[in-house]
N, C-alpha and C. Protein backbone atom coordinates (compact mmCIF):
# COMPACT_ATOMS: atom_id res chain seq x y z
N MET A 1 -91.40 113.13 152.24
CA MET A 1 -90.01 112.78 152.02
C MET A 1 -89.40 112.37 153.35
N SER A 2 -88.52 111.38 153.30
CA SER A 2 -87.86 110.91 154.51
C SER A 2 -86.93 111.98 155.06
N SER A 3 -86.87 112.09 156.37
CA SER A 3 -86.00 113.08 157.01
C SER A 3 -84.54 112.64 156.94
N ASN A 4 -84.29 111.40 156.53
CA ASN A 4 -82.92 110.89 156.46
C ASN A 4 -82.30 111.01 155.08
N VAL A 5 -82.96 111.74 154.17
CA VAL A 5 -82.45 111.91 152.82
C VAL A 5 -81.70 113.24 152.75
N VAL A 6 -80.45 113.19 152.31
CA VAL A 6 -79.61 114.38 152.20
C VAL A 6 -79.20 114.56 150.74
N TRP A 7 -79.30 115.79 150.24
CA TRP A 7 -78.91 116.07 148.85
C TRP A 7 -77.39 115.93 148.71
N HIS A 8 -76.96 115.15 147.74
CA HIS A 8 -75.53 114.95 147.51
C HIS A 8 -75.07 115.85 146.37
N LYS A 9 -74.13 116.73 146.66
CA LYS A 9 -73.63 117.64 145.64
C LYS A 9 -72.52 116.96 144.83
N HIS A 10 -72.55 117.21 143.52
CA HIS A 10 -71.55 116.62 142.62
C HIS A 10 -70.67 117.72 142.05
N GLU A 11 -69.44 117.35 141.70
CA GLU A 11 -68.52 118.35 141.16
C GLU A 11 -68.92 118.80 139.76
N VAL A 12 -69.45 117.88 138.97
CA VAL A 12 -69.99 118.27 137.67
C VAL A 12 -71.42 118.74 137.92
N ASN A 13 -71.68 120.01 137.66
CA ASN A 13 -72.97 120.58 138.02
C ASN A 13 -73.65 121.23 136.81
N LYS A 14 -74.75 121.92 137.07
CA LYS A 14 -75.53 122.55 136.00
C LYS A 14 -74.68 123.51 135.17
N VAL A 15 -73.87 124.29 135.82
CA VAL A 15 -73.05 125.28 135.11
C VAL A 15 -72.05 124.59 134.19
N THR A 16 -71.35 123.58 134.70
CA THR A 16 -70.35 122.89 133.87
C THR A 16 -71.00 122.14 132.73
N ARG A 17 -72.17 121.57 132.98
CA ARG A 17 -72.88 120.85 131.91
C ARG A 17 -73.35 121.83 130.84
N ALA A 18 -73.91 122.96 131.26
CA ALA A 18 -74.39 123.96 130.31
C ALA A 18 -73.23 124.52 129.49
N ASP A 19 -72.09 124.74 130.16
CA ASP A 19 -70.91 125.25 129.45
C ASP A 19 -70.44 124.27 128.39
N SER A 20 -70.47 122.98 128.71
CA SER A 20 -70.02 121.98 127.74
C SER A 20 -70.97 121.89 126.55
N LEU A 21 -72.24 122.24 126.77
CA LEU A 21 -73.22 122.23 125.68
C LEU A 21 -73.31 123.59 124.99
N ASN A 22 -72.66 124.59 125.56
CA ASN A 22 -72.65 125.94 125.00
C ASN A 22 -74.05 126.51 124.83
N GLN A 23 -74.85 126.41 125.90
CA GLN A 23 -76.20 126.95 125.86
C GLN A 23 -76.69 127.25 127.26
N GLN A 24 -77.75 128.04 127.33
CA GLN A 24 -78.39 128.36 128.60
C GLN A 24 -79.58 127.42 128.77
N PRO A 25 -79.52 126.49 129.74
CA PRO A 25 -80.66 125.58 129.92
C PRO A 25 -81.86 126.31 130.49
N ARG A 26 -83.03 125.89 130.07
CA ARG A 26 -84.25 126.48 130.59
C ARG A 26 -85.44 125.60 130.20
N VAL A 27 -86.59 125.91 130.77
CA VAL A 27 -87.84 125.23 130.44
C VAL A 27 -88.71 126.20 129.65
N ILE A 28 -89.10 125.80 128.46
CA ILE A 28 -90.06 126.58 127.67
C ILE A 28 -91.39 125.84 127.79
N TRP A 29 -92.26 126.39 128.62
CA TRP A 29 -93.50 125.70 129.05
C TRP A 29 -94.69 126.23 128.24
N LEU A 30 -95.17 125.42 127.29
CA LEU A 30 -96.33 125.81 126.50
C LEU A 30 -97.60 125.34 127.20
N THR A 31 -98.50 126.27 127.47
CA THR A 31 -99.76 125.96 128.11
C THR A 31 -100.91 126.51 127.27
N GLY A 32 -102.03 125.83 127.31
CA GLY A 32 -103.21 126.24 126.56
C GLY A 32 -104.20 125.10 126.52
N LEU A 33 -105.36 125.37 125.98
CA LEU A 33 -106.41 124.36 125.90
C LEU A 33 -106.02 123.19 125.00
N SER A 34 -106.70 122.08 125.16
CA SER A 34 -106.54 120.96 124.25
C SER A 34 -106.89 121.42 122.83
N GLY A 35 -106.03 121.12 121.88
CA GLY A 35 -106.29 121.54 120.50
C GLY A 35 -105.80 122.94 120.18
N SER A 36 -105.12 123.58 121.15
CA SER A 36 -104.64 124.95 120.92
C SER A 36 -103.43 124.99 120.00
N GLY A 37 -102.73 123.86 119.88
CA GLY A 37 -101.55 123.80 119.03
C GLY A 37 -100.25 123.66 119.81
N LYS A 38 -100.33 123.39 121.11
CA LYS A 38 -99.14 123.30 121.96
C LYS A 38 -98.14 122.26 121.46
N SER A 39 -98.61 121.04 121.24
CA SER A 39 -97.71 119.95 120.83
C SER A 39 -97.10 120.23 119.47
N THR A 40 -97.90 120.74 118.55
CA THR A 40 -97.40 121.08 117.21
C THR A 40 -96.33 122.16 117.31
N MET A 41 -96.60 123.20 118.11
CA MET A 41 -95.64 124.29 118.27
C MET A 41 -94.35 123.80 118.91
N ALA A 42 -94.49 122.99 119.96
CA ALA A 42 -93.30 122.48 120.65
C ALA A 42 -92.46 121.63 119.72
N ASN A 43 -93.11 120.80 118.92
CA ASN A 43 -92.39 119.93 117.97
C ASN A 43 -91.64 120.76 116.93
N LEU A 44 -92.31 121.75 116.35
CA LEU A 44 -91.69 122.58 115.33
C LEU A 44 -90.57 123.45 115.93
N LEU A 45 -90.78 123.93 117.15
CA LEU A 45 -89.75 124.73 117.81
C LEU A 45 -88.53 123.87 118.11
N GLU A 46 -88.75 122.65 118.57
CA GLU A 46 -87.61 121.78 118.85
C GLU A 46 -86.80 121.51 117.58
N LYS A 47 -87.48 121.32 116.45
CA LYS A 47 -86.77 121.11 115.18
C LYS A 47 -85.89 122.32 114.85
N LYS A 48 -86.42 123.53 115.08
CA LYS A 48 -85.65 124.74 114.80
C LYS A 48 -84.43 124.84 115.71
N LEU A 49 -84.62 124.54 116.98
CA LEU A 49 -83.51 124.60 117.93
C LEU A 49 -82.47 123.53 117.63
N HIS A 50 -82.94 122.34 117.30
CA HIS A 50 -82.03 121.24 116.96
C HIS A 50 -81.19 121.60 115.74
N ALA A 51 -81.81 122.24 114.76
CA ALA A 51 -81.09 122.65 113.54
C ALA A 51 -79.99 123.66 113.87
N GLN A 52 -80.13 124.36 114.99
CA GLN A 52 -79.12 125.33 115.42
C GLN A 52 -78.08 124.70 116.34
N GLY A 53 -78.17 123.39 116.51
CA GLY A 53 -77.20 122.70 117.35
C GLY A 53 -77.51 122.73 118.83
N LYS A 54 -78.73 123.12 119.19
CA LYS A 54 -79.13 123.15 120.60
C LYS A 54 -79.50 121.75 121.07
N HIS A 55 -79.22 121.49 122.34
CA HIS A 55 -79.55 120.21 122.96
C HIS A 55 -80.88 120.37 123.68
N THR A 56 -81.88 119.64 123.21
CA THR A 56 -83.25 119.82 123.70
C THR A 56 -83.88 118.49 124.09
N TYR A 57 -84.99 118.60 124.82
CA TYR A 57 -85.86 117.44 125.05
C TYR A 57 -87.28 117.95 125.17
N LEU A 58 -88.20 117.26 124.49
CA LEU A 58 -89.61 117.65 124.48
C LEU A 58 -90.42 116.70 125.36
N LEU A 59 -91.08 117.28 126.36
CA LEU A 59 -91.99 116.53 127.23
C LEU A 59 -93.41 116.87 126.78
N ASP A 60 -94.14 115.87 126.30
CA ASP A 60 -95.49 116.09 125.79
C ASP A 60 -96.51 115.41 126.69
N GLY A 61 -97.63 116.07 126.91
CA GLY A 61 -98.65 115.59 127.85
C GLY A 61 -99.11 114.17 127.60
N ASP A 62 -99.52 113.85 126.38
CA ASP A 62 -100.01 112.50 126.08
C ASP A 62 -98.91 111.46 126.24
N ASN A 63 -97.71 111.78 125.77
CA ASN A 63 -96.60 110.82 125.84
C ASN A 63 -96.22 110.50 127.28
N ILE A 64 -96.21 111.52 128.14
CA ILE A 64 -95.85 111.32 129.55
C ILE A 64 -96.86 110.40 130.23
N ARG A 65 -98.12 110.49 129.82
CA ARG A 65 -99.15 109.66 130.46
C ARG A 65 -99.08 108.20 130.01
N HIS A 66 -98.21 107.88 129.07
CA HIS A 66 -97.98 106.48 128.71
C HIS A 66 -97.00 105.80 129.67
N GLY A 67 -96.29 106.59 130.48
CA GLY A 67 -95.29 106.01 131.37
C GLY A 67 -95.30 106.63 132.73
N LEU A 68 -94.51 107.68 132.90
CA LEU A 68 -94.31 108.32 134.20
C LEU A 68 -95.61 108.64 134.92
N CYS A 69 -96.61 109.10 134.19
CA CYS A 69 -97.88 109.50 134.81
C CYS A 69 -99.04 108.61 134.36
N GLY A 70 -98.71 107.41 133.96
CA GLY A 70 -99.72 106.47 133.47
C GLY A 70 -100.73 106.04 134.52
N ASP A 71 -100.40 106.25 135.80
CA ASP A 71 -101.30 105.86 136.89
C ASP A 71 -102.27 106.97 137.28
N LEU A 72 -102.20 108.11 136.58
CA LEU A 72 -103.03 109.25 136.96
C LEU A 72 -104.22 109.43 136.03
N GLY A 73 -105.32 109.91 136.61
CA GLY A 73 -106.50 110.24 135.82
C GLY A 73 -106.51 111.73 135.52
N PHE A 74 -107.73 112.30 135.42
CA PHE A 74 -107.85 113.71 135.05
C PHE A 74 -108.63 114.52 136.07
N SER A 75 -108.76 114.00 137.28
CA SER A 75 -109.37 114.80 138.35
C SER A 75 -108.42 115.96 138.65
N ASP A 76 -108.92 116.98 139.34
CA ASP A 76 -108.07 118.11 139.68
C ASP A 76 -106.84 117.65 140.47
N LYS A 77 -107.05 116.72 141.41
CA LYS A 77 -105.94 116.20 142.23
C LYS A 77 -104.90 115.51 141.35
N ASP A 78 -105.34 114.70 140.41
CA ASP A 78 -104.42 113.99 139.53
C ASP A 78 -103.70 114.95 138.58
N ARG A 79 -104.40 115.98 138.14
CA ARG A 79 -103.76 116.97 137.27
C ARG A 79 -102.63 117.69 138.01
N VAL A 80 -102.87 118.01 139.28
CA VAL A 80 -101.83 118.66 140.09
C VAL A 80 -100.62 117.75 140.23
N GLU A 81 -100.86 116.47 140.52
CA GLU A 81 -99.75 115.52 140.66
C GLU A 81 -99.03 115.30 139.34
N ASN A 82 -99.76 115.29 138.23
CA ASN A 82 -99.17 115.15 136.91
C ASN A 82 -98.15 116.26 136.66
N ILE A 83 -98.56 117.50 136.92
CA ILE A 83 -97.68 118.64 136.68
C ILE A 83 -96.54 118.68 137.70
N ARG A 84 -96.79 118.23 138.92
CA ARG A 84 -95.70 118.18 139.92
C ARG A 84 -94.59 117.25 139.43
N ARG A 85 -94.98 116.07 138.94
CA ARG A 85 -93.97 115.12 138.44
C ARG A 85 -93.22 115.69 137.25
N ILE A 86 -93.96 116.28 136.32
CA ILE A 86 -93.35 116.87 135.13
C ILE A 86 -92.37 117.97 135.53
N SER A 87 -92.76 118.78 136.49
CA SER A 87 -91.90 119.88 136.95
C SER A 87 -90.58 119.36 137.49
N GLU A 88 -90.66 118.28 138.26
CA GLU A 88 -89.43 117.71 138.82
C GLU A 88 -88.55 117.12 137.72
N VAL A 89 -89.16 116.49 136.73
CA VAL A 89 -88.39 115.95 135.61
C VAL A 89 -87.75 117.09 134.81
N ALA A 90 -88.52 118.14 134.56
CA ALA A 90 -88.00 119.29 133.83
C ALA A 90 -86.81 119.90 134.56
N LYS A 91 -86.90 119.97 135.87
CA LYS A 91 -85.79 120.50 136.68
C LYS A 91 -84.53 119.67 136.48
N LEU A 92 -84.68 118.35 136.43
CA LEU A 92 -83.52 117.48 136.22
C LEU A 92 -82.89 117.71 134.86
N PHE A 93 -83.73 117.88 133.84
CA PHE A 93 -83.21 118.15 132.50
C PHE A 93 -82.45 119.48 132.46
N VAL A 94 -82.98 120.49 133.14
CA VAL A 94 -82.29 121.77 133.20
C VAL A 94 -80.95 121.60 133.92
N ASP A 95 -80.94 120.81 134.97
CA ASP A 95 -79.70 120.53 135.69
C ASP A 95 -78.68 119.84 134.79
N ALA A 96 -79.19 119.09 133.81
CA ALA A 96 -78.31 118.41 132.84
C ALA A 96 -77.83 119.35 131.74
N GLY A 97 -78.32 120.60 131.75
CA GLY A 97 -77.88 121.59 130.78
C GLY A 97 -78.74 121.66 129.53
N VAL A 98 -79.88 121.00 129.55
CA VAL A 98 -80.73 120.85 128.37
C VAL A 98 -81.81 121.93 128.33
N ILE A 99 -82.21 122.30 127.11
CA ILE A 99 -83.37 123.17 126.91
C ILE A 99 -84.59 122.25 126.83
N VAL A 100 -85.50 122.39 127.77
CA VAL A 100 -86.66 121.52 127.86
C VAL A 100 -87.88 122.25 127.28
N LEU A 101 -88.58 121.59 126.38
CA LEU A 101 -89.84 122.12 125.88
C LEU A 101 -90.95 121.24 126.43
N THR A 102 -92.02 121.87 126.91
CA THR A 102 -93.15 121.09 127.41
C THR A 102 -94.43 121.52 126.70
N ALA A 103 -95.33 120.56 126.54
CA ALA A 103 -96.64 120.84 125.96
C ALA A 103 -97.69 120.18 126.85
N PHE A 104 -98.21 120.96 127.78
CA PHE A 104 -99.21 120.47 128.74
C PHE A 104 -100.32 121.50 128.88
N ILE A 105 -101.54 121.02 128.97
CA ILE A 105 -102.64 121.94 129.25
C ILE A 105 -102.30 122.71 130.53
N SER A 106 -101.83 121.98 131.54
CA SER A 106 -101.46 122.57 132.84
C SER A 106 -102.43 123.69 133.22
N PRO A 107 -103.68 123.33 133.53
CA PRO A 107 -104.75 124.32 133.66
C PRO A 107 -104.66 125.25 134.87
N PHE A 108 -103.87 124.88 135.89
CA PHE A 108 -103.87 125.67 137.11
C PHE A 108 -102.60 126.52 137.25
N GLN A 109 -102.80 127.81 137.48
CA GLN A 109 -101.68 128.73 137.63
C GLN A 109 -100.73 128.30 138.74
N ALA A 110 -101.27 127.80 139.85
CA ALA A 110 -100.43 127.40 140.98
C ALA A 110 -99.43 126.32 140.58
N ASP A 111 -99.83 125.43 139.69
CA ASP A 111 -98.94 124.35 139.27
C ASP A 111 -97.81 124.87 138.38
N ARG A 112 -98.14 125.81 137.50
CA ARG A 112 -97.10 126.40 136.66
C ARG A 112 -96.16 127.24 137.52
N THR A 113 -96.70 127.91 138.52
CA THR A 113 -95.88 128.69 139.45
C THR A 113 -94.96 127.76 140.24
N PHE A 114 -95.46 126.58 140.57
CA PHE A 114 -94.63 125.60 141.29
C PHE A 114 -93.41 125.23 140.46
N CYS A 115 -93.61 124.95 139.17
CA CYS A 115 -92.48 124.60 138.31
C CYS A 115 -91.48 125.76 138.26
N ARG A 116 -91.99 126.96 138.11
CA ARG A 116 -91.12 128.14 138.08
C ARG A 116 -90.29 128.22 139.36
N SER A 117 -90.91 127.89 140.50
CA SER A 117 -90.23 128.01 141.79
C SER A 117 -89.08 127.02 141.95
N LEU A 118 -89.09 125.94 141.17
CA LEU A 118 -88.04 124.93 141.25
C LEU A 118 -86.77 125.35 140.53
N LEU A 119 -86.89 126.36 139.67
CA LEU A 119 -85.80 126.75 138.79
C LEU A 119 -85.22 128.10 139.19
N SER A 120 -84.05 128.38 138.66
CA SER A 120 -83.42 129.67 138.91
C SER A 120 -84.10 130.76 138.09
N GLU A 121 -83.86 132.00 138.45
CA GLU A 121 -84.44 133.15 137.74
C GLU A 121 -84.12 133.06 136.25
N GLY A 122 -85.16 133.20 135.42
CA GLY A 122 -84.98 133.20 133.98
C GLY A 122 -84.98 131.83 133.33
N GLU A 123 -85.05 130.77 134.13
CA GLU A 123 -85.00 129.42 133.55
C GLU A 123 -86.39 128.88 133.18
N PHE A 124 -87.42 129.55 133.61
CA PHE A 124 -88.79 129.12 133.28
C PHE A 124 -89.41 130.16 132.35
N VAL A 125 -89.79 129.70 131.16
CA VAL A 125 -90.41 130.59 130.17
C VAL A 125 -91.81 130.08 129.90
N GLU A 126 -92.80 130.81 130.36
CA GLU A 126 -94.20 130.42 130.17
C GLU A 126 -94.70 130.99 128.84
N VAL A 127 -95.18 130.10 127.98
CA VAL A 127 -95.72 130.48 126.68
C VAL A 127 -97.20 130.12 126.67
N PHE A 128 -98.04 131.14 126.63
CA PHE A 128 -99.49 130.92 126.59
C PHE A 128 -99.93 130.82 125.14
N VAL A 129 -100.29 129.61 124.72
CA VAL A 129 -100.81 129.39 123.36
C VAL A 129 -102.30 129.69 123.43
N ASP A 130 -102.63 130.93 123.16
CA ASP A 130 -103.96 131.48 123.40
C ASP A 130 -104.85 131.30 122.18
N THR A 131 -105.41 130.09 122.06
CA THR A 131 -106.32 129.77 120.97
C THR A 131 -107.73 129.69 121.55
N PRO A 132 -108.70 130.42 120.99
CA PRO A 132 -110.07 130.43 121.53
C PRO A 132 -110.68 129.03 121.59
N LEU A 133 -111.52 128.82 122.60
CA LEU A 133 -112.17 127.53 122.78
C LEU A 133 -112.90 127.08 121.52
N GLU A 134 -113.59 128.00 120.85
CA GLU A 134 -114.36 127.60 119.66
C GLU A 134 -113.45 127.09 118.54
N VAL A 135 -112.25 127.65 118.45
CA VAL A 135 -111.29 127.18 117.44
C VAL A 135 -110.76 125.80 117.82
N CYS A 136 -110.45 125.62 119.10
CA CYS A 136 -109.99 124.32 119.59
C CYS A 136 -111.04 123.24 119.34
N GLU A 137 -112.30 123.60 119.57
CA GLU A 137 -113.39 122.64 119.34
C GLU A 137 -113.55 122.33 117.86
N GLN A 138 -113.37 123.31 117.00
CA GLN A 138 -113.46 123.06 115.56
C GLN A 138 -112.35 122.13 115.12
N ARG A 139 -111.16 122.32 115.67
CA ARG A 139 -110.03 121.45 115.32
C ARG A 139 -110.27 120.05 115.86
N ASP A 140 -110.49 119.96 117.16
CA ASP A 140 -110.77 118.71 117.88
C ASP A 140 -110.05 117.52 117.26
N PRO A 141 -108.71 117.55 117.18
CA PRO A 141 -107.96 116.51 116.47
C PRO A 141 -108.14 115.10 117.03
N LYS A 142 -108.48 114.98 118.31
CA LYS A 142 -108.63 113.66 118.92
C LYS A 142 -110.10 113.32 119.20
N GLY A 143 -111.00 114.22 118.82
CA GLY A 143 -112.42 113.98 119.06
C GLY A 143 -112.81 114.08 120.53
N LEU A 144 -111.98 114.73 121.33
CA LEU A 144 -112.22 114.80 122.77
C LEU A 144 -113.30 115.79 123.16
N TYR A 145 -113.37 116.92 122.46
CA TYR A 145 -114.41 117.90 122.78
C TYR A 145 -115.79 117.32 122.52
N LYS A 146 -115.91 116.61 121.41
CA LYS A 146 -117.20 115.99 121.09
C LYS A 146 -117.61 115.02 122.19
N LYS A 147 -116.66 114.20 122.64
CA LYS A 147 -116.95 113.25 123.72
C LYS A 147 -117.30 113.98 125.01
N ALA A 148 -116.58 115.06 125.30
CA ALA A 148 -116.85 115.83 126.52
C ALA A 148 -118.24 116.46 126.46
N ARG A 149 -118.60 117.01 125.30
CA ARG A 149 -119.93 117.62 125.14
C ARG A 149 -121.04 116.58 125.26
N ASN A 150 -120.73 115.32 124.89
CA ASN A 150 -121.71 114.24 124.98
C ASN A 150 -121.72 113.56 126.34
N GLY A 151 -120.87 114.06 127.25
CA GLY A 151 -120.82 113.49 128.60
C GLY A 151 -120.01 112.22 128.70
N GLU A 152 -119.27 111.87 127.65
CA GLU A 152 -118.47 110.64 127.66
C GLU A 152 -117.14 110.83 128.39
N ILE A 153 -116.68 112.07 128.49
CA ILE A 153 -115.45 112.40 129.21
C ILE A 153 -115.78 113.44 130.28
N LYS A 154 -115.38 113.15 131.50
CA LYS A 154 -115.59 114.08 132.61
C LYS A 154 -114.29 114.83 132.91
N HIS A 155 -114.42 115.98 133.55
CA HIS A 155 -113.27 116.80 133.96
C HIS A 155 -112.45 117.24 132.75
N PHE A 156 -113.12 117.64 131.67
CA PHE A 156 -112.40 118.06 130.48
C PHE A 156 -112.19 119.57 130.50
N THR A 157 -110.94 119.98 130.43
CA THR A 157 -110.61 121.40 130.53
C THR A 157 -111.29 122.22 129.45
N GLY A 158 -111.93 123.30 129.90
CA GLY A 158 -112.64 124.19 128.98
C GLY A 158 -114.11 123.86 128.86
N ILE A 159 -114.49 122.64 129.27
CA ILE A 159 -115.90 122.22 129.20
C ILE A 159 -116.48 122.14 130.62
N ASP A 160 -116.01 121.19 131.41
CA ASP A 160 -116.50 121.09 132.79
C ASP A 160 -115.37 121.11 133.81
N SER A 161 -114.21 121.59 133.38
CA SER A 161 -113.08 121.79 134.28
C SER A 161 -112.41 123.10 133.87
N ALA A 162 -112.00 123.86 134.86
CA ALA A 162 -111.50 125.22 134.61
C ALA A 162 -110.11 125.24 133.97
N TYR A 163 -109.87 126.30 133.20
CA TYR A 163 -108.53 126.61 132.72
C TYR A 163 -108.19 128.02 133.20
N GLU A 164 -107.12 128.14 133.95
CA GLU A 164 -106.68 129.43 134.46
C GLU A 164 -105.60 129.96 133.54
N ALA A 165 -105.96 130.92 132.72
CA ALA A 165 -105.01 131.50 131.76
C ALA A 165 -103.88 132.21 132.50
N PRO A 166 -102.67 132.13 131.97
CA PRO A 166 -101.55 132.83 132.61
C PRO A 166 -101.81 134.33 132.70
N SER A 167 -101.45 134.91 133.82
CA SER A 167 -101.67 136.34 134.02
C SER A 167 -100.53 137.17 133.43
N SER A 168 -99.32 136.63 133.45
CA SER A 168 -98.19 137.39 132.90
C SER A 168 -97.13 136.43 132.33
N PRO A 169 -97.49 135.74 131.25
CA PRO A 169 -96.52 134.82 130.64
C PRO A 169 -95.39 135.60 129.98
N GLU A 170 -94.25 134.95 129.84
CA GLU A 170 -93.14 135.59 129.12
C GLU A 170 -93.53 135.83 127.66
N ILE A 171 -94.30 134.89 127.11
CA ILE A 171 -94.77 135.05 125.73
C ILE A 171 -96.26 134.71 125.67
N HIS A 172 -97.03 135.63 125.11
CA HIS A 172 -98.48 135.44 124.91
C HIS A 172 -98.67 135.26 123.41
N LEU A 173 -98.84 134.02 122.98
CA LEU A 173 -98.94 133.69 121.57
C LEU A 173 -100.41 133.70 121.17
N THR A 174 -100.89 134.86 120.76
CA THR A 174 -102.31 134.99 120.43
C THR A 174 -102.61 134.31 119.10
N TYR A 175 -103.81 133.79 119.01
CA TYR A 175 -104.24 133.04 117.83
C TYR A 175 -104.36 133.93 116.60
N ARG A 176 -103.88 133.40 115.49
CA ARG A 176 -104.07 134.01 114.18
C ARG A 176 -104.41 132.89 113.21
N GLU A 177 -105.13 133.25 112.17
CA GLU A 177 -105.41 132.24 111.14
C GLU A 177 -104.19 132.13 110.25
N GLU A 178 -103.31 131.22 110.62
CA GLU A 178 -102.07 131.01 109.88
C GLU A 178 -101.67 129.55 109.98
N LYS A 179 -100.73 129.13 109.15
CA LYS A 179 -100.24 127.76 109.18
C LYS A 179 -99.41 127.54 110.44
N ALA A 180 -99.37 126.29 110.89
CA ALA A 180 -98.61 125.95 112.11
C ALA A 180 -97.16 126.38 112.00
N GLU A 181 -96.58 126.21 110.82
CA GLU A 181 -95.18 126.60 110.61
C GLU A 181 -94.98 128.10 110.80
N GLU A 182 -95.97 128.88 110.40
CA GLU A 182 -95.88 130.34 110.56
C GLU A 182 -95.97 130.72 112.03
N THR A 183 -96.83 130.04 112.77
CA THR A 183 -96.95 130.31 114.20
C THR A 183 -95.68 129.91 114.92
N ALA A 184 -95.10 128.78 114.55
CA ALA A 184 -93.86 128.33 115.17
C ALA A 184 -92.73 129.30 114.89
N GLU A 185 -92.70 129.84 113.68
CA GLU A 185 -91.69 130.83 113.32
C GLU A 185 -91.88 132.10 114.16
N ARG A 186 -93.13 132.48 114.37
CA ARG A 186 -93.44 133.65 115.19
C ARG A 186 -92.97 133.42 116.62
N LEU A 187 -93.23 132.22 117.16
CA LEU A 187 -92.79 131.89 118.50
C LEU A 187 -91.26 131.91 118.59
N PHE A 188 -90.61 131.29 117.63
CA PHE A 188 -89.15 131.24 117.61
C PHE A 188 -88.56 132.66 117.60
N ASN A 189 -89.11 133.52 116.79
CA ASN A 189 -88.62 134.90 116.69
C ASN A 189 -88.84 135.68 117.98
N LEU A 190 -89.99 135.44 118.63
CA LEU A 190 -90.26 136.09 119.91
C LEU A 190 -89.25 135.65 120.98
N LEU A 191 -88.94 134.36 120.99
CA LEU A 191 -87.95 133.84 121.93
C LEU A 191 -86.57 134.44 121.66
N LEU A 192 -86.23 134.57 120.38
CA LEU A 192 -84.94 135.18 120.00
C LEU A 192 -84.88 136.65 120.45
N GLU A 193 -85.96 137.38 120.19
CA GLU A 193 -86.01 138.81 120.54
C GLU A 193 -85.81 139.02 122.03
N LYS A 194 -86.34 138.08 122.82
CA LYS A 194 -86.24 138.20 124.27
C LYS A 194 -84.97 137.56 124.83
N GLY A 195 -84.14 137.02 123.93
CA GLY A 195 -82.89 136.40 124.36
C GLY A 195 -83.08 135.11 125.13
N LEU A 196 -84.15 134.38 124.79
CA LEU A 196 -84.50 133.17 125.54
C LEU A 196 -84.05 131.87 124.88
N VAL A 197 -83.52 131.98 123.66
CA VAL A 197 -82.93 130.82 122.99
C VAL A 197 -81.64 131.24 122.30
């Protein structure tokens, strides 16, 4: 960053924006393996929040790579940069008073910790969508595990690239054999119980 860049403070700030929206802005960060159900959960959760009049925005891993992170691959270095960019965008949305939902594998604990460090206390909610690898492989909605097992995709999380499970997430959403809507309802209720939505 240039040493000649100075942060400009504005009179309309995070507090005034949040007050006008009548909500507590925060990032609800869903992490887990590919096929764990992160995107489905985030989508269903956003629908529930929207129905309650909450102002939200959903940042999804695949969608972000069509634009903001379209220049990045899947090496460890690129994954770190991908999450760094997402974290900065999420911070801006929180500053705008919005509840941000994210669905990213985000395999490295240090990167999730980085996002948390950008926000105020209580504004980062880590949700570990803890679906076993074998279940994710059975689902394989995009056929990526099959390609990874055949050597067609390199650096695939859970196969030849590490996934560092959260050590102390705010919510640990353990896998159950249930419909996606039931899991989303379970997540929503857990967030309510903890006063996070």
